[in-house]
C-alpha atoms as a PDB file:
ATOM      1  CA  MET A   1      16.353  35.904  17.173  1.00  0.00           C
ATOM      2  CA  PHE A   2      19.814  36.692  17.903  1.00  0.00           C
ATOM      3  CA  ALA A   3      20.780  32.923  18.102  1.00  0.00           C
ATOM      4  CA  ILE A   4      18.978  32.024  15.067  1.00  0.00           C
ATOM      5  CA  ILE A   5      21.096  34.366  13.188  1.00  0.00           C
ATOM      6  CA  TYR A   6      24.288  33.426  15.164  1.00  0.00           C
ATOM      7  CA  HIS A   7      23.896  29.811  14.022  1.00  0.00           C
ATOM      8  CA  SER A   8      23.069  31.105  10.190  1.00  0.00           C
ATOM      9  CA  ARG A   9      26.237  32.975   9.965  1.00  0.00           C
ATOM     10  CA  ASN A  10      28.765  29.851  11.786  1.00  0.00           C
ATOM     11  CA  PHE A  11      26.917  26.605  10.455  1.00  0.00           C
ATOM     12  CA  PRO A  12      26.681  26.033   6.211  1.00  0.00           C
ATOM     13  CA  SER A  13      23.164  26.010   5.271  1.00  0.00           C
ATOM     14  CA  VAL A  14      20.434  22.959   4.958  1.00  0.00           C
ATOM     15  CA  GLU A  15      21.530  23.052   1.510  1.00  0.00           C
ATOM     16  CA  ALA A  16      24.675  23.071   1.785  1.00  0.00           C
ATOM     17  CA  VAL A  17      25.017  20.282   4.253  1.00  0.00           C
ATOM     18  CA  ILE A  18      23.372  18.616   1.397  1.00  0.00           C
ATOM     19  CA  VAL A  19      25.659  19.190  -0.936  1.00  0.00           C
ATOM     20  CA  ILE A  20      28.917  18.553   1.406  1.00  0.00           C
ATOM     21  CA  LEU A  21      27.115  14.579   2.337  1.00  0.00           C
ATOM     22  CA  LEU A  22      26.490  13.737  -1.401  1.00  0.00           C
ATOM     23  CA  GLN A  23      30.207  14.676  -2.223  1.00  0.00           C
ATOM     24  CA  ARG A  24      31.313  12.594   0.695  1.00  0.00           C
ATOM     25  CA  SER A  25      29.302   9.746  -0.116  1.00  0.00           C
ATOM     26  CA  LEU A  26      30.513   9.867  -3.855  1.00  0.00           C
ATOM     27  CA  HIS A  27      33.726  10.286  -3.145  1.00  0.00           C
ATOM     28  CA  THR A  28      34.089   7.773  -0.893  1.00  0.00           C
ATOM     29  CA  ALA A  29      31.859   4.784   1.477  1.00  0.00           C
ATOM     30  CA  SER A  30      33.150   2.524   4.048  1.00  0.00           C
ATOM     31  CA  VAL A  31      33.159  -1.208   4.087  1.00  0.00           C
ATOM     32  CA  GLY A  32      34.545  -2.274   7.075  1.00  0.00           C
ATOM     33  CA  CYS A  33      37.398  -0.414   7.645  1.00  0.00           C
ATOM     34  CA  ALA A  34      38.652  -0.134   4.255  1.00  0.00           C
ATOM     35  CA  SER A  35      37.531   2.798   1.855  1.00  0.00           C
ATOM     36  CA  TYR A  36      35.252   2.034  -1.190  1.00  0.00           C
ATOM     37  CA  ARG A  37      35.351   4.969  -3.877  1.00  0.00           C
ATOM     38  CA  PHE A  38      32.427   4.848  -6.440  1.00  0.00           C
ATOM     39  CA  MET A  39      33.682   7.930  -8.810  1.00  0.00           C
ATOM     40  CA  ALA A  40      35.493   6.528 -11.666  1.00  0.00           C
ATOM     41  CA  PRO A  41      38.752   7.853 -11.296  1.00  0.00           C
ATOM     42  CA  LYS A  42      40.526   8.937 -14.505  1.00  0.00           C
ATOM     43  CA  ASN A  43      43.977   8.802 -16.049  1.00  0.00           C
ATOM     44  CA  ILE A  44      44.338   5.149 -16.121  1.00  0.00           C
ATOM     45  CA  THR A  45      48.053   3.679 -15.887  1.00  0.00           C
ATOM     46  CA  LEU A  46      48.664   0.537 -17.603  1.00  0.00           C
ATOM     47  CA  LEU A  47      50.465  -2.166 -16.149  1.00  0.00           C
ATOM     48  CA  GLY A  48      53.166  -2.522 -19.082  1.00  0.00           C
ATOM     49  CA  GLN A  49      54.128   1.096 -18.165  1.00  0.00           C
ATOM     50  CA  LEU A  50      54.614   0.548 -14.541  1.00  0.00           C
ATOM     51  CA  ASP A  51      57.946   0.715 -13.030  1.00  0.00           C
ATOM     52  CA  LEU A  52      59.660   1.411  -9.339  1.00  0.00           C
ATOM     53  CA  SER A  53      59.592   5.010  -9.598  1.00  0.00           C
ATOM     54  CA  HIS A  54      55.546   5.260  -9.722  1.00  0.00           C
ATOM     55  CA  GLU A  55      54.334   6.168  -6.778  1.00  0.00           C
ATOM     56  CA  LYS A  56      50.654   7.415  -6.960  1.00  0.00           C
ATOM     57  CA  PHE A  57      48.789   5.918  -9.634  1.00  0.00           C
ATOM     58  CA  THR A  58      45.554   4.310 -10.573  1.00  0.00           C
ATOM     59  CA  LEU A  59      45.054   0.604 -12.064  1.00  0.00           C
ATOM     60  CA  LYS A  60      42.015  -0.427 -14.025  1.00  0.00           C
ATOM     61  CA  VAL A  61      42.542  -4.123 -13.849  1.00  0.00           C
ATOM     62  CA  ARG A  62      40.422  -7.606 -13.453  1.00  0.00           C
ATOM     63  CA  VAL A  63      41.268 -10.084 -10.962  1.00  0.00           C
ATOM     64  CA  ILE A  64      41.954 -13.450 -12.494  1.00  0.00           C
ATOM     65  CA  ARG A  65      43.132 -15.702  -9.107  1.00  0.00           C
ATOM     66  CA  LEU A  66      42.837 -14.927  -6.275  1.00  0.00           C
ATOM     67  CA  THR A  67      44.024 -17.041  -3.456  1.00  0.00           C
ATOM     68  CA  LYS A  68      44.007 -16.863   0.326  1.00  0.00           C
ATOM     69  CA  GLN A  69      46.886 -18.157   2.766  1.00  0.00           C
ATOM     70  CA  LEU A  70      45.255 -19.441   6.058  1.00  0.00           C
ATOM     71  CA  THR A  71      46.409 -19.542   9.218  1.00  0.00           C
ATOM     72  CA  TYR A  72      47.626 -22.713  10.683  1.00  0.00           C
ATOM     73  CA  ASP A  73      44.526 -23.096  12.675  1.00  0.00           C
ATOM     74  CA  LYS A  74      42.619 -22.479   9.349  1.00  0.00           C
ATOM     75  CA  LYS A  75      40.246 -19.970  10.809  1.00  0.00           C
ATOM     76  CA  LYS A  76      41.299 -16.954   9.615  1.00  0.00           C
ATOM     77  CA  THR A  77      43.096 -15.017   5.821  1.00  0.00           C
ATOM     78  CA  PHE A  78      46.824 -13.988   6.618  1.00  0.00           C
ATOM     79  CA  ARG A  79      47.843 -13.070   3.216  1.00  0.00           C
ATOM     80  CA  ILE A  80      45.971 -12.932  -0.016  1.00  0.00           C
ATOM     81  CA  ASP A  81      47.739 -13.240  -3.302  1.00  0.00           C
ATOM     82  CA  ILE A  82      46.089 -12.315  -6.652  1.00  0.00           C
ATOM     83  CA  ILE A  83      46.843 -12.250 -10.182  1.00  0.00           C
ATOM     84  CA  LEU A  84      45.440  -8.803 -11.908  1.00  0.00           C
ATOM     85  CA  VAL A  85      45.227  -8.104 -15.794  1.00  0.00           C
ATOM     86  CA  ASP A  86      44.486  -5.220 -17.550  1.00  0.00           C
ATOM     87  CA  GLU A  87      42.496  -4.220 -20.628  1.00  0.00           C
ATOM     88  CA  GLU A  88      46.139  -4.714 -22.511  1.00  0.00           C
ATOM     89  CA  GLY A  89      46.054  -8.227 -21.370  1.00  0.00           C
ATOM     90  CA  THR A  90      49.492  -7.360 -19.354  1.00  0.00           C
ATOM     91  CA  LYS A  91      49.462  -9.601 -16.145  1.00  0.00           C
ATOM     92  CA  ILE A  92      51.130  -8.945 -12.628  1.00  0.00           C
ATOM     93  CA  GLU A  93      51.199 -10.492  -9.184  1.00  0.00           C
ATOM     94  CA  ALA A  94      49.697  -8.519  -6.232  1.00  0.00           C
ATOM     95  CA  GLN A  95      49.506  -9.223  -2.558  1.00  0.00           C
ATOM     96  CA  VAL A  96      47.633  -7.851   0.492  1.00  0.00           C
ATOM     97  CA  PRO A  97      49.677  -8.569   3.614  1.00  0.00           C
ATOM     98  CA  SER A  98      49.016  -9.987   6.866  1.00  0.00           C
ATOM     99  CA  ARG A  99      48.536  -6.425   8.430  1.00  0.00           C
ATOM    100  CA  TRP A 100      45.892  -5.394   5.852  1.00  0.00           C
ATOM    101  CA  VAL A 101      44.019  -8.395   4.977  1.00  0.00           C
ATOM    102  CA  PHE A 102      40.486  -7.004   7.461  1.00  0.00           C
ATOM    103  CA  ARG A 103      40.729  -3.908   5.090  1.00  0.00           C
ATOM    104  CA  PHE A 104      40.363  -5.721   1.511  1.00  0.00           C
ATOM    105  CA  GLU A 105      39.360  -9.361   2.110  1.00  0.00           C
ATOM    106  CA  LYS A 106      35.653  -8.634   1.560  1.00  0.00           C
ATOM    107  CA  MET A 107      36.078  -6.102  -1.000  1.00  0.00           C
ATOM    108  CA  LEU A 108      38.240  -8.271  -3.564  1.00  0.00           C
ATOM    109  CA  ALA A 109      36.796 -11.424  -5.480  1.00  0.00           C
ATOM    110  CA  GLU A 110      38.357 -13.785  -8.347  1.00  0.00           C
ATOM    111  CA  ASN A 111      36.528 -12.747 -11.806  1.00  0.00           C
ATOM    112  CA  GLU A 112      35.663  -8.911 -10.849  1.00  0.00           C
ATOM    113  CA  SER A 113      36.920  -6.290 -12.060  1.00  0.00           C
ATOM    114  CA  TYR A 114      38.464  -3.127 -10.184  1.00  0.00           C
ATOM    115  CA  TYR A 115      40.310   0.409  -9.872  1.00  0.00           C
ATOM    116  CA  ILE A 116      42.948   0.209  -7.884  1.00  0.00           C
ATOM    117  CA  GLU A 117      44.600   3.265  -6.917  1.00  0.00           C
ATOM    118  CA  ASN A 118      47.968   4.027  -4.834  1.00  0.00           C
ATOM    119  CA  PRO A 119      49.313   0.459  -4.551  1.00  0.00           C
ATOM    120  CA  GLN A 120      52.918   0.208  -3.887  1.00  0.00           C
ATOM    121  CA  VAL A 121      55.295  -1.013  -6.770  1.00  0.00           C
ATOM    122  CA  GLY A 122      58.064  -3.778  -5.930  1.00  0.00           C
ATOM    123  CA  GLU A 123      60.417  -5.597  -7.426  1.00  0.00           C
ATOM    124  CA  ASN A 124      58.828  -9.559  -7.728  1.00  0.00           C
ATOM    125  CA  THR A 125      61.881 -11.173  -5.683  1.00  0.00           C
ATOM    126  CA  ALA A 126      60.062 -14.363  -4.731  1.00  0.00           C
ATOM    127  CA  ASP A 127      61.651 -17.871  -6.261  1.00  0.00           C
ATOM    128  CA  ASN A 128      58.560 -18.770  -8.179  1.00  0.00           C
ATOM    129  CA  LYS A 129      57.003 -16.187 -10.329  1.00  0.00           C
ATOM    130  CA  PHE A 130      53.538 -17.077 -11.626  1.00  0.00           C
ATOM    131  CA  VAL A 131      53.147 -14.409 -14.178  1.00  0.00           C
ATOM    132  CA  ASN A 132      55.784 -12.475 -16.469  1.00  0.00           C
ATOM    133  CA  ASN A 133      56.168  -9.640 -14.946  1.00  0.00           C
ATOM    134  CA  SER A 134      59.617  -8.736 -12.730  1.00  0.00           C
ATOM    135  CA  ASN A 135      57.475  -5.923 -10.924  1.00  0.00           C
ATOM    136  CA  LYS A 136      54.764  -6.936  -8.059  1.00  0.00           C
ATOM    137  CA  LEU A 137      52.035  -4.993  -6.456  1.00  0.00           C
ATOM    138  CA  HIS A 138      51.681  -4.422  -2.723  1.00  0.00           C
ATOM    139  CA  PHE A 139      48.193  -3.246  -0.932  1.00  0.00           C
ATOM    140  CA  CYS A 140      48.632  -0.516   1.610  1.00  0.00           C
ATOM    141  CA  PRO A 141      46.835   2.032   3.768  1.00  0.00           C
ATOM    142  CA  ILE A 142      46.567   4.509   1.137  1.00  0.00           C
ATOM    143  CA  THR A 143      45.831   1.792  -1.138  1.00  0.00           C
ATOM    144  CA  MET A 144      41.573   2.299  -2.403  1.00  0.00           C
ATOM    145  CA  VAL A 145      39.635   0.008  -4.405  1.00  0.00           C
ATOM    146  CA  THR A 146      36.608   0.569  -6.264  1.00  0.00           C
ATOM    147  CA  LYS A 147      34.491  -1.993  -8.421  1.00  0.00           C
ATOM    148  CA  SER A 148      34.932  -1.187 -12.170  1.00  0.00           C
ATOM    149  CA  ASN A 149      31.636  -2.032 -14.779  1.00  0.00           C
ATOM    150  CA  ASP A 150      33.127  -1.029 -18.491  1.00  0.00           C
ATOM    151  CA  PHE A 151      36.966  -2.860 -18.175  1.00  0.00           C
ATOM    152  CA  VAL A 152      36.985  -4.394 -21.921  1.00  0.00           C
ATOM    153  CA  GLY A 153      39.722  -6.082 -21.305  1.00  0.00           C
ATOM    154  CA  PRO A 154      40.442 -10.288 -21.274  1.00  0.00           C
ATOM    155  CA  LEU A 155      38.182 -11.826 -19.317  1.00  0.00           C
ATOM    156  CA  TYR A 156      40.911 -14.731 -18.087  1.00  0.00           C
ATOM    157  CA  GLY A 157      44.339 -13.382 -19.060  1.00  0.00           C
ATOM    158  CA  PHE A 158      45.062 -17.170 -20.886  1.00  0.00           C
ATOM    159  CA  SER A 159      48.466 -17.041 -22.806  1.00  0.00           C
ATOM    160  CA  PHE A 160      48.612 -20.159 -24.422  1.00  0.00           C
ATOM    161  CA  GLU A 161      52.119 -21.899 -24.859  1.00  0.00           C
ATOM    162  CA  ASN A 162      52.886 -23.677 -28.273  1.00  0.00           C
ATOM    163  CA  TYR A 163      53.382 -27.455 -27.821  1.00  0.00           C
ATOM    164  CA  GLN A 164      56.405 -27.451 -29.899  1.00  0.00           C
ATOM    165  CA  THR A 165      57.794 -25.058 -27.257  1.00  0.00           C
ATOM    166  CA  ILE A 166      57.141 -27.510 -24.276  1.00  0.00           C
ATOM    167  CA  ILE A 167      57.783 -30.494 -26.680  1.00  0.00           C
ATOM    168  CA  GLY A 168      61.246 -29.170 -27.555  1.00  0.00           C
ATOM    169  CA  ASN A 169      62.252 -28.383 -23.880  1.00  0.00           C
ATOM    170  CA  ASN A 170      62.426 -24.628 -24.619  1.00  0.00           C
ATOM    171  CA  ILE A 171      60.779 -23.218 -21.666  1.00  0.00           C
ATOM    172  CA  LEU A 172      63.188 -22.415 -18.709  1.00  0.00           C
ATOM    173  CA  GLU A 173      62.500 -23.888 -15.077  1.00  0.00           C
ATOM    174  CA  LYS A 174      59.979 -21.607 -13.205  1.00  0.00           C
ATOM    175  CA  THR A 175      58.271 -20.393 -16.134  1.00  0.00           C
ATOM    176  CA  PRO A 176      54.551 -19.717 -16.178  1.00  0.00           C
ATOM    177  CA  VAL A 177      52.577 -22.155 -19.169  1.00  0.00           C
ATOM    178  CA  ASP A 178      49.250 -21.633 -20.179  1.00  0.00           C
ATOM    179  CA  VAL A 179      48.089 -24.946 -22.343  1.00  0.00           C
ATOM    180  CA  ILE A 180      44.645 -25.870 -23.669  1.00  0.00           C
ATOM    181  CA  GLY A 181      44.266 -29.376 -25.671  1.00  0.00           C
ATOM    182  CA  HIS A 182      41.751 -32.255 -25.727  1.00  0.00           C
ATOM    183  CA  VAL A 183      42.155 -35.238 -23.494  1.00  0.00           C
ATOM    184  CA  LEU A 184      43.518 -38.163 -25.765  1.00  0.00           C
ATOM    185  CA  LEU A 185      44.332 -40.592 -22.793  1.00  0.00           C
ATOM    186  CA  TYR A 186      43.666 -40.587 -18.830  1.00  0.00           C
ATOM    187  CA  PHE A 187      45.238 -42.930 -16.552  1.00  0.00           C
ATOM    188  CA  PRO A 188      43.828 -44.461 -13.143  1.00  0.00           C
ATOM    189  CA  LYS A 189      44.494 -41.825 -10.363  1.00  0.00           C
ATOM    190  CA  GLU A 190      47.515 -43.080  -8.075  1.00  0.00           C
ATOM    191  CA  THR A 191      47.278 -42.566  -4.239  1.00  0.00           C
ATOM    192  CA  PHE A 192      50.077 -42.566  -2.308  1.00  0.00           C
ATOM    193  CA  MET A 193      51.957 -41.106   1.000  1.00  0.00           C
ATOM    194  CA  SER A 194      54.620 -38.658   0.629  1.00  0.00           C
ATOM    195  CA  LYS A 195      57.902 -38.728   2.432  1.00  0.00           C
ATOM    196  CA  HIS A 196      56.121 -36.447   4.606  1.00  0.00           C
ATOM    197  CA  GLY A 197      53.427 -39.040   5.701  1.00  0.00           C
ATOM    198  CA  LYS A 198      50.224 -36.866   4.320  1.00  0.00           C
ATOM    199  CA  GLU A 199      48.423 -38.504   1.611  1.00  0.00           C
ATOM    200  CA  THR A 200      48.909 -37.411  -2.345  1.00  0.00           C
ATOM    201  CA  ARG A 201      46.636 -37.686  -5.547  1.00  0.00           C
ATOM    202  CA  ARG A 202      48.252 -37.976  -8.631  1.00  0.00           C
ATOM    203  CA  GLN A 203      46.446 -37.897 -12.112  1.00  0.00           C
ATOM    204  CA  ASN A 204      48.326 -38.355 -15.334  1.00  0.00           C
ATOM    205  CA  VAL A 205      46.454 -37.087 -18.817  1.00  0.00           C
ATOM    206  CA  GLN A 206      47.628 -37.229 -22.186  1.00  0.00           C
ATOM    207  CA  ILE A 207      46.470 -33.947 -24.229  1.00  0.00           C
ATOM    208  CA  GLN A 208      46.826 -33.361 -28.090  1.00  0.00           C
ATOM    209  CA  ASP A 209      46.710 -29.824 -29.813  1.00  0.00           C
ATOM    210  CA  LEU A 210      44.912 -29.120 -33.285  1.00  0.00           C
ATOM    211  CA  GLU A 211      47.668 -29.602 -35.019  1.00  0.00           C
ATOM    212  CA  GLY A 212      48.128 -33.676 -33.664  1.00  0.00           C
ATOM    213  CA  ARG A 213      50.869 -32.921 -31.018  1.00  0.00           C
ATOM    214  CA  LYS A 214      50.498 -34.504 -27.534  1.00  0.00           C
ATOM    215  CA  VAL A 215      51.827 -33.456 -24.482  1.00  0.00           C
ATOM    216  CA  SER A 216      51.555 -35.312 -20.952  1.00  0.00           C
ATOM    217  CA  VAL A 217      49.860 -33.374 -17.838  1.00  0.00           C
ATOM    218  CA  THR A 218      50.381 -34.703 -14.462  1.00  0.00           C
ATOM    219  CA  LEU A 219      47.651 -32.953 -12.130  1.00  0.00           C
ATOM    220  CA  TRP A 220      48.599 -33.244  -8.580  1.00  0.00           C
ATOM    221  CA  ASP A 221      46.067 -33.280  -5.147  1.00  0.00           C
ATOM    222  CA  GLU A 222      42.684 -31.326  -5.742  1.00  0.00           C
ATOM    223  CA  TYR A 223      43.374 -30.821  -9.582  1.00  0.00           C
ATOM    224  CA  ALA A 224      43.451 -34.820  -9.681  1.00  0.00           C
ATOM    225  CA  GLN A 225      40.216 -34.990  -7.909  1.00  0.00           C
ATOM    226  CA  GLN A 226      38.809 -32.480  -9.912  1.00  0.00           C
ATOM    227  CA  PHE A 227      39.385 -33.949 -12.896  1.00  0.00           C
ATOM    228  CA  VAL A 228      38.656 -37.347 -11.593  1.00  0.00           C
ATOM    229  CA  ASP A 229      34.924 -35.887 -10.972  1.00  0.00           C
ATOM    230  CA  TYR A 230      34.221 -34.629 -14.140  1.00  0.00           C
ATOM    231  CA  VAL A 231      34.793 -37.963 -15.701  1.00  0.00           C
ATOM    232  CA  SER A 232      33.059 -39.989 -12.989  1.00  0.00           C
ATOM    233  CA  ASN A 233      29.873 -37.173 -13.591  1.00  0.00           C
ATOM    234  CA  ASN A 234      30.163 -37.369 -17.043  1.00  0.00           C
ATOM    235  CA  PRO A 235      30.446 -40.602 -18.372  1.00  0.00           C
ATOM    236  CA  GLU A 236      29.100 -40.200 -21.742  1.00  0.00           C
ATOM    237  CA  GLU A 237      31.151 -37.264 -22.745  1.00  0.00           C
ATOM    238  CA  ARG A 238      33.033 -37.593 -25.620  1.00  0.00           C
ATOM    239  CA  THR A 239      35.486 -34.857 -26.118  1.00  0.00           C
ATOM    240  CA  VAL A 240      37.221 -32.917 -23.438  1.00  0.00           C
ATOM    241  CA  ILE A 241      39.171 -30.067 -23.573  1.00  0.00           C
ATOM    242  CA  ILE A 242      40.856 -28.646 -20.748  1.00  0.00           C
ATOM    243  CA  ILE A 243      42.774 -25.756 -19.541  1.00  0.00           C
ATOM    244  CA  ILE A 244      45.293 -25.633 -17.321  1.00  0.00           C
ATOM    245  CA  GLN A 245      46.534 -22.098 -16.377  1.00  0.00           C
ATOM    246  CA  PHE A 246      49.437 -20.549 -14.184  1.00  0.00           C
ATOM    247  CA  GLY A 247      50.845 -24.027 -14.692  1.00  0.00           C
ATOM    248  CA  LYS A 248      54.767 -25.602 -15.145  1.00  0.00           C
ATOM    249  CA  VAL A 249      56.734 -27.741 -17.066  1.00  0.00           C
ATOM    250  CA  SER A 250      58.279 -30.316 -15.308  1.00  0.00           C
ATOM    251  CA  ASP A 251      61.107 -32.538 -16.361  1.00  0.00           C
ATOM    252  CA  TYR A 252      61.043 -36.069 -14.617  1.00  0.00           C
ATOM    253  CA  ARG A 253      63.733 -38.417 -15.628  1.00  0.00           C
ATOM    254  CA  GLY A 254      63.873 -36.911 -19.220  1.00  0.00           C
ATOM    255  CA  CYS A 255      59.938 -37.287 -19.247  1.00  0.00           C
ATOM    256  CA  LEU A 256      58.387 -33.783 -19.958  1.00  0.00           C
ATOM    257  CA  SER A 257      55.091 -32.553 -18.496  1.00  0.00           C
ATOM    258  CA  VAL A 258      53.175 -30.333 -17.348  1.00  0.00           C
ATOM    259  CA  SER A 259      51.785 -29.734 -14.278  1.00  0.00           C
ATOM    260  CA  ASN A 260      50.179 -27.546 -11.526  1.00  0.00           C
ATOM    261  CA  TRP A 261      52.043 -25.003  -9.648  1.00  0.00           C
ATOM    262  CA  TYR A 262      51.327 -25.367  -6.114  1.00  0.00           C
ATOM    263  CA  PHE A 263      47.837 -24.068  -5.767  1.00  0.00           C
ATOM    264  CA  VAL A 264      47.770 -21.007  -7.934  1.00  0.00           C
ATOM    265  CA  THR A 265      46.999 -23.100 -11.110  1.00  0.00           C
ATOM    266  CA  LYS A 266      43.036 -22.660 -12.440  1.00  0.00           C
ATOM    267  CA  LEU A 267      41.720 -26.056 -14.379  1.00  0.00           C
ATOM    268  CA  TYR A 268      39.047 -25.638 -16.759  1.00  0.00           C
ATOM    269  CA  ILE A 269      37.321 -28.696 -17.903  1.00  0.00           C
ATOM    270  CA  ASN A 270      34.994 -28.012 -20.608  1.00  0.00           C
ATOM    271  CA  ALA A 271      33.688 -24.819 -19.194  1.00  0.00           C
ATOM    272  CA  ASN A 272      31.764 -22.880 -21.074  1.00  0.00           C
ATOM    273  CA  ILE A 273      34.161 -20.480 -21.926  1.00  0.00           C
ATOM    274  CA  GLU A 274      35.058 -18.734 -25.756  1.00  0.00           C
ATOM    275  CA  GLU A 275      38.630 -20.023 -25.758  1.00  0.00           C
ATOM    276  CA  ILE A 276      37.469 -23.695 -24.801  1.00  0.00           C
ATOM    277  CA  LEU A 277      34.146 -23.385 -27.559  1.00  0.00           C
ATOM    278  CA  LEU A 278      36.354 -22.257 -29.875  1.00  0.00           C
ATOM    279  CA  PHE A 279      39.116 -25.068 -29.313  1.00  0.00           C
ATOM    280  CA  LYS A 280      36.393 -27.609 -29.850  1.00  0.00           C
ATOM    281  CA  ASN A 281      34.514 -26.152 -32.654  1.00  0.00           C
ATOM    282  CA  THR A 282      37.561 -25.995 -34.672  1.00  0.00           C
ATOM    283  CA  LEU A 283      38.398 -29.499 -33.863  1.00  0.00           C
ATOM    284  CA  VAL A 284      35.128 -30.794 -35.164  1.00  0.00           C
ATOM    285  CA  SER A 285      35.570 -28.599 -38.397  1.00  0.00           C
ATOM    286  CA  LYS A 286      39.122 -30.051 -38.933  1.00  0.00           C
ATOM    287  CA  ASN A 287      37.596 -33.826 -38.807  1.00  0.00           C
ATOM    288  CA  SER A 288      39.416 -34.562 -35.374  1.00  0.00           C
ATOM    289  CA  PHE A 289      36.302 -35.831 -34.381  1.00  0.00           C
ATOM    290  CA  GLU A 290      36.093 -38.838 -36.041  1.00  0.00           C
ATOM    291  CA  ASN A 291      39.280 -39.419 -36.409  1.00  0.00           C
ATOM    292  CA  LEU A 292      39.559 -39.880 -32.237  1.00  0.00           C
ATOM    293  CA  SER A 293      36.525 -41.483 -32.120  1.00  0.00           C
ATOM    294  CA  ALA A 294      37.737 -44.080 -34.557  1.00  0.00           C
ATOM    295  CA  ASN A 295      40.607 -45.174 -31.967  1.00  0.00           C
ATOM    296  CA  CYS A 296      37.766 -45.899 -29.300  1.00  0.00           C
ATOM    297  CA  SER A 297      36.084 -49.198 -29.738  1.00  0.00           C
ATOM    298  CA  LYS A 298      32.867 -49.599 -31.729  1.00  0.00           C
ATOM    299  CA  ASP A 299      30.790 -50.175 -28.309  1.00  0.00           C
ATOM    300  CA  SER A 300      32.647 -47.076 -26.590  1.00  0.00           C
ATOM    301  CA  SER A 301      30.184 -43.876 -26.207  1.00  0.00           C
ATOM    302  CA  SER A 302      33.154 -42.156 -24.348  1.00  0.00           C
ATOM    303  CA  LEU A 303      36.669 -40.421 -26.227  1.00  0.00           C
ATOM    304  CA  LEU A 304      37.994 -41.056 -22.673  1.00  0.00           C
ATOM    305  CA  TYR A 305      39.856 -44.327 -22.069  1.00  0.00           C
ATOM    306  CA  TYR A 306      42.787 -45.420 -19.803  1.00  0.00           C
ATOM    307  CA  GLU A 307      46.341 -46.516 -21.359  1.00  0.00           C
ATOM    308  CA  THR A 308      45.717 -50.309 -20.759  1.00  0.00           C
ATOM    309  CA  ASP A 309      41.947 -50.086 -22.613  1.00  0.00           C
ATOM    310  CA  GLU A 310      44.182 -48.304 -25.570  1.00  0.00           C
ATOM    311  CA  PHE A 311      46.448 -51.552 -25.556  1.00  0.00           C
ATOM    312  CA  LEU A 312      43.693 -54.109 -25.398  1.00  0.00           C
ATOM    313  CA  LEU A 313      41.928 -52.282 -27.913  1.00  0.00           C
ATOM    314  CA  LYS A 314      43.787 -51.906 -30.656  1.00  0.00           C
ATOM    315  CA  HIS A 315      45.576 -55.860 -30.449  1.00  0.00           C
ATOM    316  CA  ASP A 316      44.390 -59.273 -31.432  1.00  0.00           C
ATOM    317  CA  PHE A 317      43.805 -61.908 -28.350  1.00  0.00           C
ATOM    318  CA  LYS A 318      45.230 -64.958 -29.646  1.00  0.00           C
ATOM    319  CA  PRO A 319      45.280 -68.737 -27.673  1.00  0.00           C
ATOM    320  CA  ILE A 320      48.973 -70.128 -26.509  1.00  0.00           C
ATOM    321  CA  THR A 321      48.163 -72.712 -29.101  1.00  0.00           C
ATOM    322  CA  GLU A 322      47.696 -70.156 -32.111  1.00  0.00           C
ATOM    323  CA  ILE A 323      51.019 -68.720 -31.452  1.00  0.00           C
ATOM    324  CA  GLN A 324      53.256 -70.953 -33.509  1.00  0.00           C
ATOM    325  CA  GLU A 325      50.800 -70.598 -36.400  1.00  0.00           C
ATOM    326  CA  ILE A 326      51.816 -66.681 -36.863  1.00  0.00           C
ATOM    327  CA  THR A 327      53.859 -66.522 -40.247  1.00  0.00           C
ATOM    328  CA  LYS A 328      54.698 -62.704 -39.814  1.00  0.00           C
ATOM    329  CA  VAL A 329      55.771 -60.068 -37.114  1.00  0.00           C
ATOM    330  CA  SER A 330      52.948 -59.158 -35.219  1.00  0.00           C
ATOM    331  CA  ARG A 331      52.122 -57.883 -31.804  1.00  0.00           C
ATOM    332  CA  VAL A 332      49.375 -60.075 -29.863  1.00  0.00           C
ATOM    333  CA  ILE A 333      47.793 -60.231 -26.387  1.00  0.00           C
ATOM    334  CA  VAL A 334      47.873 -63.483 -24.603  1.00  0.00           C
ATOM    335  CA  LEU A 335      46.152 -64.471 -21.307  1.00  0.00           C
ATOM    336  CA  GLY A 336      48.270 -67.094 -19.639  1.00  0.00           C
ATOM    337  CA  THR A 337      49.174 -68.129 -16.137  1.00  0.00           C
ATOM    338  CA  VAL A 338      53.037 -67.943 -14.664  1.00  0.00           C
ATOM    339  CA  LYS A 339      53.605 -71.339 -13.673  1.00  0.00           C
ATOM    340  CA  ARG A 340      57.828 -71.074 -13.738  1.00  0.00           C
ATOM    341  CA  VAL A 341      60.587 -68.217 -14.513  1.00  0.00           C
ATOM    342  CA  CYS A 342      63.190 -69.941 -16.163  1.00  0.00           C
ATOM    343  CA  THR A 343      66.914 -67.598 -15.893  1.00  0.00           C
ATOM    344  CA  ASP A 344      68.956 -70.449 -17.323  1.00  0.00           C
ATOM    345  CA  PHE A 345      69.161 -68.386 -20.852  1.00  0.00           C
ATOM    346  CA  SER A 346      71.589 -65.336 -21.130  1.00  0.00           C
ATOM    347  CA  TRP A 347      69.196 -63.498 -23.478  1.00  0.00           C
ATOM    348  CA  TYR A 348      66.449 -64.224 -20.530  1.00  0.00           C
ATOM    349  CA  TYR A 349      65.473 -60.845 -18.732  1.00  0.00           C
END
């Protein structure tokens, strides 16, 4: 009896033990070596309110881009780069450094929402900033992550750039851009060897906005292949809407184009998302669809065609014997074999 009384005075009751265990289970749960809190934190800090003086705070955000940097042998992740958006639409870059990858790699996923407690805030000193934010977040030992099921902010965090701004070359170099448009033309995919001896793929595309302005797009490597695969697998598709997110504007020999930015860029092609569906519906309502279809051959069932196809469709073929009969300025196509090149005349080039 003495032993029983002794234990009852020095140890918590069964009810107390249950309460303690319940509190602990609600407070933290072990996932690998990281802590996963299940009780929704309060006092959320917005990304627009952050500055370098913040030390302990909680964010409610959605992961809109997550890329893993692999080791040389491609077997392990040595760094995780993340782009987050909060409920106000403000975006920020974040990074899980190599020493903490093992804690957070299995906890974070693209297109998921989280509470993130106590990350470190630092200045974004990188040459390439993929969002317009001078700050950057770093995951550290005291950082805690919780799934959020009540995030009401933007799902993708698009910030579409006006075509006129791009055409007017009013965007600074290394400034991130998002563009949306329907595909007017695409060109044959090019494959060549880079100066480093690596096979490189390039796909040039021309897109148009709802006001009829046109912008050139250059897709590289896996993005080029993604576009080619879509076209190959959907040969009957008449209207193709694409979104390039986290792209950049490039000026090559005076020609402006939007291109993917390393592997941070996301490419959406006729995806079942609100922005693309709204663009397509607006396009149809403005009768753009019929106007675009008129540019295609009568026998063509696809809106997509090469620039060479457009040239052949818009001009008439003429045999050489009929050229002398043309009485007005016009463009025609002549098919012939070059028998000799004459360089005796000064006007020849």
